[in-house]
Amino acid sequence: MPSFQTRLKITGLRPGNPPEAVMAAGVEALETRHHVESNQLNIAAGVPQLNLRFLVEATEYSGENSQARLSASMMRDAVERVAVTGSLQVLRRNRGRWAPI
């Protein structure tokens, strides 16, 4: 199964939401479609970044990438309910390296 990763910048919390709601929203959204392998919050250039790694059912290369992009978009929509987000990257694991799709 192909492995993908999202990197979503978090620029603020929406009123009334605790910080842990950000990760919970992202993981819950991805788990509706895929197995989430790992999740973590990193700081990149002083900005929190939500990193979620997930598996996509193996089909054909472009279809797998399309599924990953759609799922990442759905995840971002879910996170937007509790936080203000910035840029979103979707990467695919290829020969031991992460490459943007």
N, C-alpha and C. Protein backbone atom coordinates (compact mmCIF):
# COMPACT_ATOMS: atom_id res chain seq x y z
N MET A 1 0.85 -1.19 0.00
CA MET A 1 0.00 0.00 0.00
C MET A 1 0.89 1.24 0.00
N PRO A 2 0.60 2.17 -0.88
CA PRO A 2 1.39 3.40 -0.93
C PRO A 2 1.19 4.25 0.33
N SER A 3 2.27 4.88 0.76
CA SER A 3 2.26 5.71 1.95
C SER A 3 2.33 7.18 1.54
N PHE A 4 1.48 7.99 2.17
CA PHE A 4 1.41 9.43 1.91
C PHE A 4 1.54 10.18 3.22
N GLN A 5 1.87 11.46 3.10
CA GLN A 5 1.99 12.31 4.28
C GLN A 5 1.40 13.68 3.94
N THR A 6 0.69 14.25 4.90
CA THR A 6 0.23 15.63 4.77
C THR A 6 1.03 16.49 5.71
N ARG A 7 1.26 17.70 5.31
CA ARG A 7 1.89 18.71 6.16
C ARG A 7 1.01 19.95 6.07
N LEU A 8 0.35 20.24 7.16
CA LEU A 8 -0.61 21.35 7.20
C LEU A 8 -0.18 22.36 8.26
N LYS A 9 0.07 23.59 7.82
CA LYS A 9 0.45 24.66 8.75
C LYS A 9 -0.78 25.08 9.55
N ILE A 10 -0.57 25.29 10.84
CA ILE A 10 -1.63 25.76 11.74
C ILE A 10 -1.24 27.15 12.22
N THR A 11 -2.05 28.14 11.88
CA THR A 11 -1.70 29.52 12.22
C THR A 11 -2.47 30.07 13.41
N GLY A 12 -3.45 29.33 13.91
CA GLY A 12 -4.19 29.77 15.09
C GLY A 12 -5.33 28.83 15.41
N LEU A 13 -5.86 28.98 16.61
CA LEU A 13 -7.02 28.19 17.05
C LEU A 13 -8.28 29.04 16.92
N ARG A 14 -9.37 28.40 16.59
CA ARG A 14 -10.66 29.08 16.60
C ARG A 14 -11.13 29.15 18.06
N PRO A 15 -11.84 30.20 18.43
CA PRO A 15 -12.28 30.39 19.82
C PRO A 15 -13.01 29.15 20.36
N GLY A 16 -12.67 28.81 21.61
CA GLY A 16 -13.35 27.72 22.29
C GLY A 16 -12.78 26.34 22.01
N ASN A 17 -11.71 26.24 21.23
CA ASN A 17 -11.13 24.94 20.89
C ASN A 17 -9.76 24.77 21.55
N PRO A 18 -9.55 23.66 22.23
CA PRO A 18 -8.25 23.40 22.83
C PRO A 18 -7.25 22.95 21.76
N PRO A 19 -5.96 23.12 21.99
CA PRO A 19 -4.95 22.73 21.00
C PRO A 19 -5.06 21.27 20.55
N GLU A 20 -5.40 20.36 21.45
CA GLU A 20 -5.47 18.94 21.08
C GLU A 20 -6.60 18.64 20.10
N ALA A 21 -7.56 19.55 19.97
CA ALA A 21 -8.66 19.36 19.01
C ALA A 21 -8.17 19.39 17.57
N VAL A 22 -7.04 20.05 17.33
CA VAL A 22 -6.49 20.14 15.97
C VAL A 22 -6.07 18.76 15.49
N MET A 23 -5.26 18.07 16.28
CA MET A 23 -4.80 16.74 15.90
C MET A 23 -5.98 15.77 15.81
N ALA A 24 -6.87 15.84 16.78
CA ALA A 24 -8.03 14.93 16.79
C ALA A 24 -8.87 15.10 15.52
N ALA A 25 -9.10 16.34 15.11
CA ALA A 25 -9.90 16.59 13.91
C ALA A 25 -9.22 16.03 12.66
N GLY A 26 -7.92 16.24 12.55
CA GLY A 26 -7.18 15.75 11.39
C GLY A 26 -7.15 14.23 11.30
N VAL A 27 -6.86 13.59 12.42
CA VAL A 27 -6.79 12.12 12.44
C VAL A 27 -8.17 11.52 12.17
N GLU A 28 -9.20 12.03 12.82
CA GLU A 28 -10.56 11.51 12.62
C GLU A 28 -10.98 11.60 11.16
N ALA A 29 -10.68 12.72 10.52
CA ALA A 29 -11.07 12.90 9.12
C ALA A 29 -10.36 11.89 8.22
N LEU A 30 -9.06 11.71 8.40
CA LEU A 30 -8.33 10.76 7.56
C LEU A 30 -8.74 9.31 7.84
N GLU A 31 -9.03 9.00 9.09
CA GLU A 31 -9.40 7.62 9.43
C GLU A 31 -10.72 7.18 8.82
N THR A 32 -11.52 8.11 8.35
CA THR A 32 -12.77 7.71 7.70
C THR A 32 -12.50 7.05 6.36
N ARG A 33 -11.31 7.28 5.77
CA ARG A 33 -10.98 6.74 4.45
C ARG A 33 -9.74 5.86 4.41
N HIS A 34 -8.81 6.06 5.36
CA HIS A 34 -7.51 5.39 5.28
C HIS A 34 -7.01 5.00 6.66
N HIS A 35 -6.00 4.12 6.64
CA HIS A 35 -5.30 3.78 7.87
C HIS A 35 -4.26 4.87 8.13
N VAL A 36 -4.33 5.51 9.30
CA VAL A 36 -3.37 6.54 9.68
C VAL A 36 -2.21 5.85 10.39
N GLU A 37 -1.01 5.94 9.79
CA GLU A 37 0.17 5.28 10.34
C GLU A 37 0.78 6.04 11.51
N SER A 38 0.81 7.37 11.39
CA SER A 38 1.40 8.17 12.47
C SER A 38 0.88 9.60 12.38
N ASN A 39 1.03 10.29 13.49
CA ASN A 39 0.65 11.70 13.54
C ASN A 39 1.57 12.43 14.50
N GLN A 40 1.93 13.64 14.14
CA GLN A 40 2.75 14.44 15.04
C GLN A 40 2.61 15.91 14.69
N LEU A 41 2.95 16.73 15.66
CA LEU A 41 2.94 18.17 15.49
C LEU A 41 4.38 18.64 15.53
N ASN A 42 4.84 19.26 14.47
CA ASN A 42 6.20 19.80 14.38
C ASN A 42 6.13 21.32 14.33
N ILE A 43 7.26 21.94 14.58
CA ILE A 43 7.39 23.38 14.41
C ILE A 43 8.33 23.61 13.23
N ALA A 44 7.83 24.24 12.17
CA ALA A 44 8.62 24.53 10.98
C ALA A 44 8.69 26.04 10.81
N ALA A 45 9.89 26.59 10.91
CA ALA A 45 10.09 28.04 10.81
C ALA A 45 9.21 28.80 11.80
N GLY A 46 9.07 28.24 13.00
CA GLY A 46 8.29 28.89 14.05
C GLY A 46 6.79 28.72 13.95
N VAL A 47 6.32 27.95 12.97
CA VAL A 47 4.88 27.75 12.77
C VAL A 47 4.53 26.28 13.02
N PRO A 48 3.52 26.01 13.86
CA PRO A 48 3.10 24.62 14.07
C PRO A 48 2.65 23.98 12.76
N GLN A 49 3.01 22.72 12.59
CA GLN A 49 2.67 21.98 11.37
C GLN A 49 2.17 20.60 11.76
N LEU A 50 0.98 20.28 11.31
CA LEU A 50 0.36 18.98 11.56
C LEU A 50 0.84 18.00 10.49
N ASN A 51 1.52 16.93 10.91
CA ASN A 51 2.01 15.92 9.97
C ASN A 51 1.27 14.61 10.22
N LEU A 52 0.57 14.15 9.19
CA LEU A 52 -0.17 12.90 9.27
C LEU A 52 0.29 11.97 8.16
N ARG A 53 0.63 10.75 8.52
CA ARG A 53 1.07 9.75 7.54
C ARG A 53 -0.02 8.70 7.42
N PHE A 54 -0.40 8.35 6.17
CA PHE A 54 -1.51 7.42 5.97
C PHE A 54 -1.27 6.55 4.74
N LEU A 55 -2.00 5.45 4.68
CA LEU A 55 -1.90 4.51 3.57
C LEU A 55 -3.11 4.64 2.66
N VAL A 56 -2.88 4.48 1.37
CA VAL A 56 -3.94 4.51 0.36
C VAL A 56 -4.00 3.13 -0.28
N GLU A 57 -5.20 2.64 -0.50
CA GLU A 57 -5.38 1.35 -1.17
C GLU A 57 -4.69 1.36 -2.53
N ALA A 58 -3.90 0.34 -2.80
CA ALA A 58 -3.16 0.26 -4.06
C ALA A 58 -4.10 0.05 -5.24
N THR A 59 -4.01 0.93 -6.22
CA THR A 59 -4.77 0.81 -7.48
C THR A 59 -3.81 1.10 -8.62
N GLU A 60 -3.86 2.31 -9.14
CA GLU A 60 -2.89 2.75 -10.13
C GLU A 60 -2.35 4.10 -9.66
N TYR A 61 -1.14 4.42 -10.08
CA TYR A 61 -0.37 5.53 -9.52
C TYR A 61 -1.15 6.85 -9.45
N SER A 62 -1.70 7.29 -10.55
CA SER A 62 -2.39 8.59 -10.54
C SER A 62 -3.68 8.54 -9.71
N GLY A 63 -4.35 7.40 -9.70
CA GLY A 63 -5.55 7.24 -8.88
C GLY A 63 -5.22 7.29 -7.39
N GLU A 64 -4.10 6.69 -7.01
CA GLU A 64 -3.66 6.73 -5.61
C GLU A 64 -3.36 8.17 -5.20
N ASN A 65 -2.67 8.89 -6.09
CA ASN A 65 -2.36 10.30 -5.80
C ASN A 65 -3.64 11.14 -5.68
N SER A 66 -4.60 10.88 -6.54
CA SER A 66 -5.87 11.61 -6.48
C SER A 66 -6.60 11.34 -5.17
N GLN A 67 -6.61 10.07 -4.75
CA GLN A 67 -7.24 9.72 -3.47
C GLN A 67 -6.55 10.45 -2.32
N ALA A 68 -5.22 10.48 -2.35
CA ALA A 68 -4.46 11.15 -1.28
C ALA A 68 -4.77 12.64 -1.24
N ARG A 69 -4.82 13.28 -2.41
CA ARG A 69 -5.13 14.71 -2.45
C ARG A 69 -6.54 15.00 -1.93
N LEU A 70 -7.50 14.19 -2.35
CA LEU A 70 -8.87 14.36 -1.89
C LEU A 70 -8.97 14.18 -0.38
N SER A 71 -8.32 13.16 0.13
CA SER A 71 -8.35 12.90 1.57
C SER A 71 -7.67 14.02 2.35
N ALA A 72 -6.57 14.54 1.82
CA ALA A 72 -5.88 15.65 2.48
C ALA A 72 -6.78 16.89 2.51
N SER A 73 -7.50 17.11 1.44
CA SER A 73 -8.43 18.24 1.39
C SER A 73 -9.55 18.08 2.41
N MET A 74 -10.07 16.87 2.53
CA MET A 74 -11.11 16.60 3.52
C MET A 74 -10.57 16.80 4.93
N MET A 75 -9.34 16.37 5.16
CA MET A 75 -8.71 16.55 6.47
C MET A 75 -8.57 18.03 6.79
N ARG A 76 -8.12 18.81 5.80
CA ARG A 76 -7.97 20.25 6.02
C ARG A 76 -9.32 20.89 6.35
N ASP A 77 -10.38 20.51 5.66
CA ASP A 77 -11.71 21.05 5.96
C ASP A 77 -12.11 20.75 7.40
N ALA A 78 -11.81 19.55 7.87
CA ALA A 78 -12.14 19.17 9.25
C ALA A 78 -11.33 20.00 10.25
N VAL A 79 -10.05 20.18 9.97
CA VAL A 79 -9.19 20.97 10.87
C VAL A 79 -9.62 22.43 10.87
N GLU A 80 -10.08 22.93 9.74
CA GLU A 80 -10.52 24.33 9.64
C GLU A 80 -11.69 24.64 10.59
N ARG A 81 -12.41 23.62 11.04
CA ARG A 81 -13.52 23.86 11.98
C ARG A 81 -13.00 24.25 13.36
N VAL A 82 -11.76 23.86 13.68
CA VAL A 82 -11.22 24.14 15.01
C VAL A 82 -10.00 25.05 14.98
N ALA A 83 -9.39 25.23 13.80
CA ALA A 83 -8.16 26.03 13.71
C ALA A 83 -8.10 26.79 12.40
N VAL A 84 -7.24 27.77 12.36
CA VAL A 84 -6.96 28.51 11.14
C VAL A 84 -5.72 27.85 10.54
N THR A 85 -5.79 27.51 9.24
CA THR A 85 -4.69 26.79 8.63
C THR A 85 -3.98 27.64 7.58
N GLY A 86 -2.78 27.19 7.25
CA GLY A 86 -1.99 27.81 6.19
C GLY A 86 -1.82 26.82 5.06
N SER A 87 -0.62 26.72 4.56
CA SER A 87 -0.36 25.87 3.40
C SER A 87 -0.49 24.38 3.74
N LEU A 88 -0.89 23.63 2.71
CA LEU A 88 -1.04 22.17 2.81
C LEU A 88 -0.16 21.53 1.75
N GLN A 89 0.65 20.57 2.16
CA GLN A 89 1.44 19.78 1.23
C GLN A 89 1.00 18.33 1.34
N VAL A 90 1.01 17.63 0.21
CA VAL A 90 0.75 16.19 0.20
C VAL A 90 1.97 15.55 -0.45
N LEU A 91 2.57 14.60 0.25
CA LEU A 91 3.77 13.94 -0.22
C LEU A 91 3.55 12.43 -0.32
N ARG A 92 4.29 11.80 -1.22
CA ARG A 92 4.21 10.36 -1.41
C ARG A 92 5.59 9.76 -1.13
N ARG A 93 5.60 8.65 -0.43
CA ARG A 93 6.85 7.93 -0.15
C ARG A 93 7.24 7.16 -1.41
N ASN A 94 8.43 7.44 -1.92
CA ASN A 94 8.91 6.80 -3.13
C ASN A 94 10.38 6.48 -2.97
N ARG A 95 10.69 5.19 -2.94
CA ARG A 95 12.08 4.73 -2.79
C ARG A 95 12.77 5.34 -1.59
N GLY A 96 12.09 5.37 -0.47
CA GLY A 96 12.68 5.85 0.78
C GLY A 96 12.69 7.36 0.96
N ARG A 97 12.08 8.11 0.03
CA ARG A 97 12.07 9.56 0.15
C ARG A 97 10.65 10.08 -0.01
N TRP A 98 10.39 11.24 0.61
CA TRP A 98 9.09 11.90 0.47
C TRP A 98 9.16 12.89 -0.67
N ALA A 99 8.23 12.76 -1.61
CA ALA A 99 8.20 13.67 -2.76
C ALA A 99 6.80 14.27 -2.89
N PRO A 100 6.71 15.58 -3.15
CA PRO A 100 5.40 16.21 -3.33
C PRO A 100 4.67 15.61 -4.54
N ILE A 101 3.33 15.53 -4.41
CA ILE A 101 2.54 15.06 -5.55
C ILE A 101 1.71 16.21 -6.09
